[in-house]
N, C-alpha and C. Protein backbone atom coordinates (compact mmCIF):
# COMPACT_ATOMS: atom_id res chain seq x y z
N MET A 1 29.82 25.19 35.41
CA MET A 1 29.46 24.41 36.56
C MET A 1 27.96 24.55 36.84
N VAL A 2 27.46 25.77 36.72
CA VAL A 2 26.03 26.01 36.95
C VAL A 2 25.21 25.29 35.89
N ILE A 3 25.67 25.30 34.65
CA ILE A 3 24.95 24.65 33.55
C ILE A 3 24.90 23.15 33.79
N VAL A 4 25.97 22.56 34.25
CA VAL A 4 26.01 21.12 34.52
C VAL A 4 25.01 20.78 35.63
N ALA A 5 24.95 21.60 36.68
CA ALA A 5 24.02 21.36 37.78
C ALA A 5 22.58 21.50 37.30
N MET A 6 22.30 22.49 36.45
CA MET A 6 20.95 22.67 35.92
C MET A 6 20.55 21.49 35.04
N ALA A 7 21.48 21.00 34.25
CA ALA A 7 21.20 19.86 33.39
C ALA A 7 20.90 18.61 34.22
N ALA A 8 21.64 18.40 35.29
CA ALA A 8 21.42 17.25 36.16
C ALA A 8 20.05 17.33 36.83
N VAL A 9 19.68 18.53 37.32
CA VAL A 9 18.38 18.72 37.96
C VAL A 9 17.26 18.50 36.93
N SER A 10 17.43 19.02 35.73
CA SER A 10 16.42 18.85 34.67
C SER A 10 16.25 17.37 34.32
N ALA A 11 17.35 16.65 34.21
CA ALA A 11 17.28 15.22 33.90
C ALA A 11 16.57 14.46 35.02
N ALA A 12 16.86 14.81 36.27
CA ALA A 12 16.23 14.13 37.40
C ALA A 12 14.73 14.41 37.43
N LEU A 13 14.33 15.66 37.17
CA LEU A 13 12.91 16.00 37.14
C LEU A 13 12.19 15.30 36.00
N LEU A 14 12.82 15.24 34.85
CA LEU A 14 12.22 14.56 33.70
C LEU A 14 12.05 13.08 33.99
N SER A 15 13.04 12.46 34.59
CA SER A 15 12.96 11.05 34.95
C SER A 15 11.83 10.81 35.95
N TRP A 16 11.73 11.65 36.97
CA TRP A 16 10.66 11.52 37.96
C TRP A 16 9.29 11.68 37.31
N TRP A 17 9.16 12.66 36.42
CA TRP A 17 7.89 12.94 35.79
C TRP A 17 7.44 11.76 34.92
N ARG A 18 8.38 11.13 34.19
CA ARG A 18 8.05 9.99 33.34
C ARG A 18 7.64 8.77 34.16
N GLN A 19 8.21 8.61 35.36
CA GLN A 19 7.96 7.41 36.16
C GLN A 19 6.75 7.52 37.08
N ARG A 20 6.19 8.69 37.23
CA ARG A 20 5.12 8.85 38.22
C ARG A 20 3.86 8.10 37.84
N GLY A 21 3.54 7.93 36.57
CA GLY A 21 2.44 7.10 36.11
C GLY A 21 1.10 7.36 36.78
N ASP A 22 0.51 8.48 36.54
CA ASP A 22 -0.80 8.83 37.10
C ASP A 22 -1.88 7.97 36.42
N PRO A 23 -2.52 7.00 37.15
CA PRO A 23 -3.50 6.13 36.51
C PRO A 23 -4.73 6.86 36.00
N ALA A 24 -5.07 7.99 36.57
CA ALA A 24 -6.24 8.74 36.11
C ALA A 24 -5.99 9.36 34.74
N VAL A 25 -4.74 9.56 34.40
CA VAL A 25 -4.39 10.23 33.16
C VAL A 25 -3.92 9.24 32.10
N SER A 26 -3.59 8.02 32.49
CA SER A 26 -3.02 7.09 31.53
C SER A 26 -4.03 6.75 30.44
N ILE A 27 -3.53 6.58 29.26
CA ILE A 27 -4.36 6.30 28.10
C ILE A 27 -3.87 5.00 27.49
N ASP A 28 -4.80 4.08 27.26
CA ASP A 28 -4.45 2.83 26.60
C ASP A 28 -4.18 3.10 25.13
N PRO A 29 -3.25 2.35 24.55
CA PRO A 29 -3.00 2.53 23.12
C PRO A 29 -4.23 2.09 22.31
N PRO A 30 -4.40 2.65 21.14
CA PRO A 30 -5.58 2.29 20.34
C PRO A 30 -5.50 0.84 19.88
N GLU A 31 -6.65 0.23 19.68
CA GLU A 31 -6.71 -1.12 19.13
C GLU A 31 -7.03 -0.99 17.65
N TRP A 32 -6.09 -1.43 16.83
CA TRP A 32 -6.25 -1.30 15.39
C TRP A 32 -7.01 -2.51 14.85
N PRO A 33 -7.79 -2.30 13.80
CA PRO A 33 -8.48 -3.44 13.20
C PRO A 33 -7.48 -4.39 12.56
N ALA A 34 -7.87 -5.62 12.40
CA ALA A 34 -6.99 -6.62 11.78
C ALA A 34 -6.71 -6.22 10.33
N PHE A 35 -5.50 -6.49 9.87
CA PHE A 35 -5.11 -6.18 8.50
C PHE A 35 -5.80 -7.12 7.54
N THR A 36 -6.32 -6.56 6.46
CA THR A 36 -6.90 -7.38 5.41
C THR A 36 -6.21 -7.05 4.10
N SER A 37 -6.04 -8.03 3.30
CA SER A 37 -5.36 -7.87 2.01
C SER A 37 -6.21 -6.99 1.09
N PRO A 38 -5.57 -6.12 0.29
CA PRO A 38 -6.35 -5.26 -0.60
C PRO A 38 -7.06 -6.00 -1.72
N GLU A 39 -6.56 -7.16 -2.10
CA GLU A 39 -7.21 -7.93 -3.14
C GLU A 39 -8.20 -8.92 -2.52
N PRO A 40 -9.28 -9.22 -3.23
CA PRO A 40 -10.32 -10.06 -2.64
C PRO A 40 -9.95 -11.51 -2.48
N GLY A 41 -8.92 -11.99 -3.12
CA GLY A 41 -8.55 -13.40 -3.00
C GLY A 41 -7.07 -13.59 -3.20
N GLU A 42 -6.64 -14.82 -3.19
CA GLU A 42 -5.24 -15.12 -3.44
C GLU A 42 -4.91 -14.78 -4.89
N ASN A 43 -3.66 -14.43 -5.13
CA ASN A 43 -3.22 -14.07 -6.47
C ASN A 43 -3.50 -15.21 -7.45
N GLY A 44 -4.26 -14.91 -8.49
CA GLY A 44 -4.55 -15.88 -9.51
C GLY A 44 -5.80 -16.70 -9.26
N SER A 45 -6.42 -16.58 -8.11
CA SER A 45 -7.65 -17.34 -7.85
C SER A 45 -8.81 -16.69 -8.59
N PRO A 46 -9.90 -17.40 -8.77
CA PRO A 46 -11.05 -16.79 -9.46
C PRO A 46 -11.60 -15.57 -8.73
N MET A 47 -11.35 -15.44 -7.43
CA MET A 47 -11.84 -14.30 -6.67
C MET A 47 -10.94 -13.08 -6.80
N SER A 48 -9.75 -13.23 -7.35
CA SER A 48 -8.80 -12.13 -7.43
C SER A 48 -9.14 -11.19 -8.57
N SER A 49 -8.92 -9.89 -8.36
CA SER A 49 -9.17 -8.93 -9.43
C SER A 49 -7.94 -8.73 -10.31
N TRP A 50 -6.78 -9.24 -9.88
CA TRP A 50 -5.56 -9.11 -10.67
C TRP A 50 -4.61 -10.26 -10.39
N VAL A 51 -3.66 -10.44 -11.31
CA VAL A 51 -2.58 -11.41 -11.13
C VAL A 51 -1.26 -10.70 -11.39
N ILE A 52 -0.20 -11.25 -10.86
CA ILE A 52 1.13 -10.64 -11.02
C ILE A 52 1.55 -10.74 -12.48
N GLY A 53 2.17 -9.66 -12.97
CA GLY A 53 2.64 -9.62 -14.34
C GLY A 53 3.71 -10.65 -14.61
N GLY A 54 3.95 -10.91 -15.83
CA GLY A 54 4.95 -11.90 -16.20
C GLY A 54 5.30 -11.66 -17.65
N ASP A 55 4.94 -12.62 -18.48
CA ASP A 55 5.18 -12.52 -19.91
C ASP A 55 4.31 -11.39 -20.48
N ALA A 56 4.93 -10.41 -21.10
CA ALA A 56 4.20 -9.24 -21.60
C ALA A 56 3.37 -9.57 -22.84
N GLU A 57 3.66 -10.68 -23.50
CA GLU A 57 2.97 -10.99 -24.73
C GLU A 57 1.77 -11.90 -24.54
N THR A 58 1.76 -12.66 -23.48
CA THR A 58 0.68 -13.63 -23.27
C THR A 58 -0.14 -13.27 -22.04
N ALA A 59 -1.36 -12.85 -22.26
CA ALA A 59 -2.23 -12.50 -21.14
C ALA A 59 -2.74 -13.78 -20.48
N PRO A 60 -2.78 -13.79 -19.13
CA PRO A 60 -3.38 -14.94 -18.46
C PRO A 60 -4.87 -15.02 -18.83
N ASP A 61 -5.42 -16.22 -18.82
CA ASP A 61 -6.83 -16.39 -19.17
C ASP A 61 -7.72 -15.51 -18.30
N GLY A 62 -8.51 -14.67 -18.95
CA GLY A 62 -9.47 -13.83 -18.24
C GLY A 62 -8.90 -12.55 -17.66
N PHE A 63 -7.62 -12.23 -17.95
CA PHE A 63 -6.97 -11.02 -17.42
C PHE A 63 -6.28 -10.26 -18.56
N PRO A 64 -7.04 -9.57 -19.43
CA PRO A 64 -6.44 -8.91 -20.59
C PRO A 64 -5.86 -7.51 -20.34
N ILE A 65 -6.15 -6.90 -19.22
CA ILE A 65 -5.75 -5.51 -18.96
C ILE A 65 -4.36 -5.48 -18.34
N LYS A 66 -3.43 -4.73 -18.97
CA LYS A 66 -2.06 -4.60 -18.47
C LYS A 66 -1.93 -3.35 -17.59
N VAL A 67 -1.29 -3.49 -16.43
CA VAL A 67 -1.08 -2.35 -15.54
C VAL A 67 0.40 -2.20 -15.23
N LYS A 68 0.88 -0.97 -15.37
CA LYS A 68 2.24 -0.61 -14.96
C LYS A 68 2.07 0.18 -13.66
N VAL A 69 2.44 -0.43 -12.54
CA VAL A 69 2.20 0.17 -11.22
C VAL A 69 2.92 1.51 -11.07
N SER A 70 4.17 1.60 -11.54
CA SER A 70 4.95 2.82 -11.35
C SER A 70 4.34 4.03 -12.05
N SER A 71 3.66 3.82 -13.16
CA SER A 71 3.05 4.94 -13.88
C SER A 71 1.61 5.19 -13.45
N GLY A 72 0.96 4.17 -12.88
CA GLY A 72 -0.44 4.32 -12.49
C GLY A 72 -1.39 4.24 -13.68
N ILE A 73 -0.92 3.64 -14.78
CA ILE A 73 -1.70 3.59 -16.01
C ILE A 73 -1.99 2.14 -16.39
N PHE A 74 -3.21 1.90 -16.93
CA PHE A 74 -3.48 0.57 -17.48
C PHE A 74 -3.71 0.67 -18.98
N HIS A 75 -3.43 -0.43 -19.66
CA HIS A 75 -3.54 -0.49 -21.11
C HIS A 75 -4.50 -1.60 -21.49
N VAL A 76 -5.35 -1.31 -22.48
CA VAL A 76 -6.34 -2.29 -22.93
C VAL A 76 -5.88 -2.86 -24.28
N PRO A 77 -6.34 -4.07 -24.61
CA PRO A 77 -5.98 -4.65 -25.91
C PRO A 77 -6.37 -3.71 -27.04
N GLY A 78 -5.47 -3.56 -28.00
CA GLY A 78 -5.71 -2.67 -29.13
C GLY A 78 -5.22 -1.25 -28.90
N GLY A 79 -4.81 -0.94 -27.67
CA GLY A 79 -4.28 0.39 -27.37
C GLY A 79 -2.90 0.59 -27.98
N ARG A 80 -2.50 1.84 -28.14
CA ARG A 80 -1.25 2.18 -28.81
C ARG A 80 -0.02 1.54 -28.17
N PHE A 81 0.05 1.52 -26.84
CA PHE A 81 1.24 0.99 -26.15
C PHE A 81 1.01 -0.38 -25.51
N TYR A 82 -0.11 -1.01 -25.84
CA TYR A 82 -0.44 -2.30 -25.22
C TYR A 82 0.64 -3.34 -25.49
N ASP A 83 1.06 -3.46 -26.74
CA ASP A 83 2.02 -4.51 -27.10
C ASP A 83 3.40 -4.30 -26.48
N ARG A 84 3.82 -3.06 -26.29
CA ARG A 84 5.16 -2.83 -25.76
C ARG A 84 5.22 -2.70 -24.24
N THR A 85 4.07 -2.67 -23.57
CA THR A 85 4.03 -2.54 -22.12
C THR A 85 4.36 -3.87 -21.45
N LYS A 86 5.30 -3.84 -20.51
CA LYS A 86 5.63 -5.00 -19.69
C LYS A 86 4.89 -4.82 -18.36
N PRO A 87 3.81 -5.55 -18.15
CA PRO A 87 2.94 -5.28 -17.00
C PRO A 87 3.50 -5.78 -15.67
N ASP A 88 3.14 -5.05 -14.62
CA ASP A 88 3.41 -5.50 -13.26
C ASP A 88 2.23 -6.34 -12.78
N ARG A 89 1.05 -6.03 -13.31
CA ARG A 89 -0.18 -6.74 -12.96
C ARG A 89 -1.04 -6.90 -14.21
N TRP A 90 -1.87 -7.91 -14.19
CA TRP A 90 -2.90 -8.12 -15.22
C TRP A 90 -4.25 -8.03 -14.51
N TYR A 91 -5.18 -7.28 -15.05
CA TYR A 91 -6.52 -7.14 -14.46
C TYR A 91 -7.56 -7.79 -15.36
N ALA A 92 -8.63 -8.24 -14.73
CA ALA A 92 -9.72 -8.88 -15.46
C ALA A 92 -10.58 -7.84 -16.18
N THR A 93 -10.82 -6.70 -15.53
CA THR A 93 -11.69 -5.67 -16.12
C THR A 93 -11.10 -4.28 -15.91
N GLU A 94 -11.54 -3.36 -16.73
CA GLU A 94 -11.14 -1.96 -16.56
C GLU A 94 -11.65 -1.42 -15.23
N GLU A 95 -12.85 -1.82 -14.85
CA GLU A 95 -13.45 -1.36 -13.60
C GLU A 95 -12.59 -1.75 -12.39
N ALA A 96 -12.03 -2.95 -12.43
CA ALA A 96 -11.18 -3.41 -11.32
C ALA A 96 -9.90 -2.59 -11.24
N ALA A 97 -9.32 -2.26 -12.39
CA ALA A 97 -8.11 -1.44 -12.41
C ALA A 97 -8.40 -0.03 -11.91
N ILE A 98 -9.53 0.53 -12.32
CA ILE A 98 -9.92 1.87 -11.87
C ILE A 98 -10.17 1.86 -10.37
N ALA A 99 -10.82 0.81 -9.89
CA ALA A 99 -11.12 0.71 -8.45
C ALA A 99 -9.84 0.66 -7.62
N ASP A 100 -8.75 0.13 -8.20
CA ASP A 100 -7.47 0.07 -7.49
C ASP A 100 -6.64 1.34 -7.68
N GLY A 101 -7.20 2.34 -8.37
CA GLY A 101 -6.54 3.64 -8.47
C GLY A 101 -5.75 3.88 -9.74
N TYR A 102 -5.90 3.04 -10.73
CA TYR A 102 -5.17 3.24 -11.99
C TYR A 102 -6.07 3.94 -13.00
N ARG A 103 -5.44 4.62 -13.95
CA ARG A 103 -6.22 5.29 -15.00
C ARG A 103 -5.89 4.69 -16.35
N ARG A 104 -6.83 4.81 -17.27
CA ARG A 104 -6.65 4.26 -18.62
C ARG A 104 -5.65 5.09 -19.40
N SER A 105 -4.87 4.43 -20.23
CA SER A 105 -3.94 5.13 -21.10
C SER A 105 -4.74 6.05 -22.03
N LYS A 106 -4.18 7.22 -22.30
CA LYS A 106 -4.88 8.20 -23.13
C LYS A 106 -4.81 7.84 -24.62
N THR A 107 -3.89 6.97 -24.98
CA THR A 107 -3.78 6.59 -26.40
C THR A 107 -3.92 5.11 -26.60
């Protein structure tokens, strides 16, 4: 019985404390900057650094670098696993793939 009474008093105090709203102490929520896409342009546009993967055998014009997102590795033409890699993305340059956080295949 005592525990029930203590719980009721605690709940009432907590409710009062939450509702009191001291304006001197209130803090406005932060204003976040507007979201911007990580890629510089629409997928496949000349401004884009990558395009979505598709056919593993045919590189889109100007995008010879294959990237497997799950492994974090990119493959260049002539590399050991280039032909068998099914890319999630195609990049125009090695520098663009590195800038997005991928590393070159070791073989």
